[in-house]
Every structure is written in C-alpha cells, then in structure tokens.
Protein backbone atom coordinates (compact mmCIF):
# COMPACT_ATOMS: atom_id res chain seq x y z
CA MET A 1 107.73 63.00 82.48
CA SER A 2 105.36 62.09 85.31
CA GLY A 3 102.62 64.42 86.58
CA GLN A 4 104.00 64.27 90.11
CA ARG A 5 106.33 67.04 91.30
CA THR A 6 108.21 67.69 94.49
CA VAL A 7 108.47 71.26 95.76
CA LEU A 8 111.31 72.00 98.16
CA ASP A 9 111.16 74.82 100.71
CA PRO A 10 114.56 76.58 100.66
CA THR A 11 114.06 77.89 104.20
CA SER A 12 113.96 74.36 105.62
CA GLU A 13 111.30 75.44 108.11
CA ARG A 14 109.18 72.46 108.97
CA ASN A 15 107.11 73.78 111.87
CA LEU A 16 106.39 77.46 111.56
CA PRO A 17 105.75 79.16 114.89
CA ILE A 18 102.33 80.74 115.31
CA ARG A 19 102.58 84.05 117.10
CA LYS A 20 99.90 86.37 118.33
CA ARG A 21 99.92 89.70 116.50
CA LEU A 22 101.01 92.70 118.51
CA PRO A 23 98.56 95.59 118.67
CA ARG A 24 99.05 98.45 116.20
CA LEU A 25 100.72 101.59 117.43
CA GLU A 26 98.10 104.18 118.30
CA THR A 27 100.27 106.93 116.83
CA LEU A 28 103.56 107.30 115.00
CA GLU A 29 104.33 110.57 116.79
CA GLY A 30 107.59 110.13 118.70
CA LYS A 31 107.84 106.40 117.94
CA THR A 32 111.00 104.84 116.53
CA ILE A 33 110.31 102.86 113.38
CA GLY A 34 112.96 100.59 111.89
CA LEU A 35 113.24 100.24 108.14
CA LEU A 36 114.90 96.99 107.11
CA ASP A 37 116.38 96.89 103.63
CA ILE A 38 116.82 93.24 102.64
CA SER A 39 119.50 94.16 100.05
CA LYS A 40 117.46 93.72 96.88
CA ALA A 41 117.77 96.20 94.04
CA ARG A 42 115.94 99.51 94.58
CA GLY A 43 114.67 98.54 98.04
CA ASP A 44 116.63 101.47 99.46
CA ILE A 45 114.79 103.85 97.13
CA PHE A 46 111.41 102.54 98.25
CA LEU A 47 112.39 102.76 101.91
CA GLY A 48 113.59 106.33 101.36
CA GLN A 49 110.04 107.24 100.37
CA VAL A 50 108.62 105.35 103.37
CA GLU A 51 111.06 107.20 105.63
CA THR A 52 109.90 110.57 104.29
CA ARG A 53 106.25 109.69 104.99
CA LEU A 54 107.00 108.39 108.48
CA ARG A 55 108.96 111.51 109.42
CA GLU A 56 106.08 113.68 108.15
CA ARG A 57 103.91 111.88 110.71
CA GLY A 58 106.34 112.56 113.56
CA ALA A 59 108.15 109.23 113.69
CA ASN A 60 111.84 108.76 114.33
CA VAL A 61 113.37 106.42 111.74
CA GLU A 62 116.31 104.03 112.01
CA ARG A 63 117.62 102.32 108.86
CA PHE A 64 118.99 98.78 108.82
CA ARG A 65 120.28 96.55 106.02
CA LYS A 66 120.67 92.80 105.75
CA PRO A 67 124.01 91.62 104.33
CA THR A 68 122.18 89.57 101.68
CA PHE A 69 118.59 88.94 100.61
CA ALA A 70 119.33 85.23 100.26
CA LYS A 71 119.44 84.53 103.99
CA PRO A 72 117.44 85.57 107.07
CA ALA A 73 118.66 88.63 108.94
CA PRO A 74 121.48 87.76 111.34
CA GLU A 75 120.49 87.32 114.97
CA ASP A 76 122.50 90.35 116.13
CA LEU A 77 120.73 92.58 113.57
CA ARG A 78 117.30 91.29 114.64
CA GLN A 79 118.23 91.91 118.28
CA GLN A 80 119.41 95.46 117.50
CA ILE A 81 116.11 96.23 115.76
CA THR A 82 114.14 94.77 118.66
CA VAL A 83 115.97 96.94 121.20
CA GLN A 84 115.97 100.20 119.22
CA CYS A 85 112.55 100.17 117.51
CA GLU A 86 108.90 100.06 118.42
CA ALA A 87 107.88 98.82 114.97
CA VAL A 88 109.64 97.71 111.80
CA VAL A 89 108.94 97.83 108.08
CA GLU A 90 110.72 95.20 106.01
CA ALA A 91 110.70 95.90 102.30
CA LEU A 92 112.06 94.64 99.05
CA ALA A 93 111.84 95.74 95.46
CA ASP A 94 112.77 94.34 92.05
C-alpha cells in the first residue's frame, strides 16, 4: 500500500463562493427565525429546545425539514426560508 491517498469531496464543489457575512440581528423580539431540520436522528429534539429558547426571547419560529440529510436542501425550500425568515438555524444531531 502506498503512502499517497486521494480524498474525494462528495459535494463536488470546486470553487466555493465567498460571501460577506450579514450583520447579526440586534434583537430576536418579533423576528421570524427558521429552524431547519436536516433529517438526521434526534435533530428535531434539539431544534425543539432551540425553539423554546427563541420563543422565550420573543421570536416567532418557523420549522422546516429537508427531505434527506444526504443532499443539499431543495431550491424551493431554500427560497421559502429566505422569504419567510429573517435568520435561520440549521442543526443536526447523531
């Protein structure tokens, strides 16, 4: 066995876009926060706790779920989140 290895990127992204970070929300009060469950085991339980904490701080919460964790979120789901939410939390758990 040779010492050389090849690592393959399953996302097939060759040139990652560099984007400027958006400023943080000054407050959560009255803001709509999206919670994106990527469909991994127990992610919904974790996001349930996050939802409770966000609501305690006055945020409105919308829940979303990817069809599978193995692929990026579908374009229509990403568009829906963009239109409905002012911020998003994407979470997974194992």
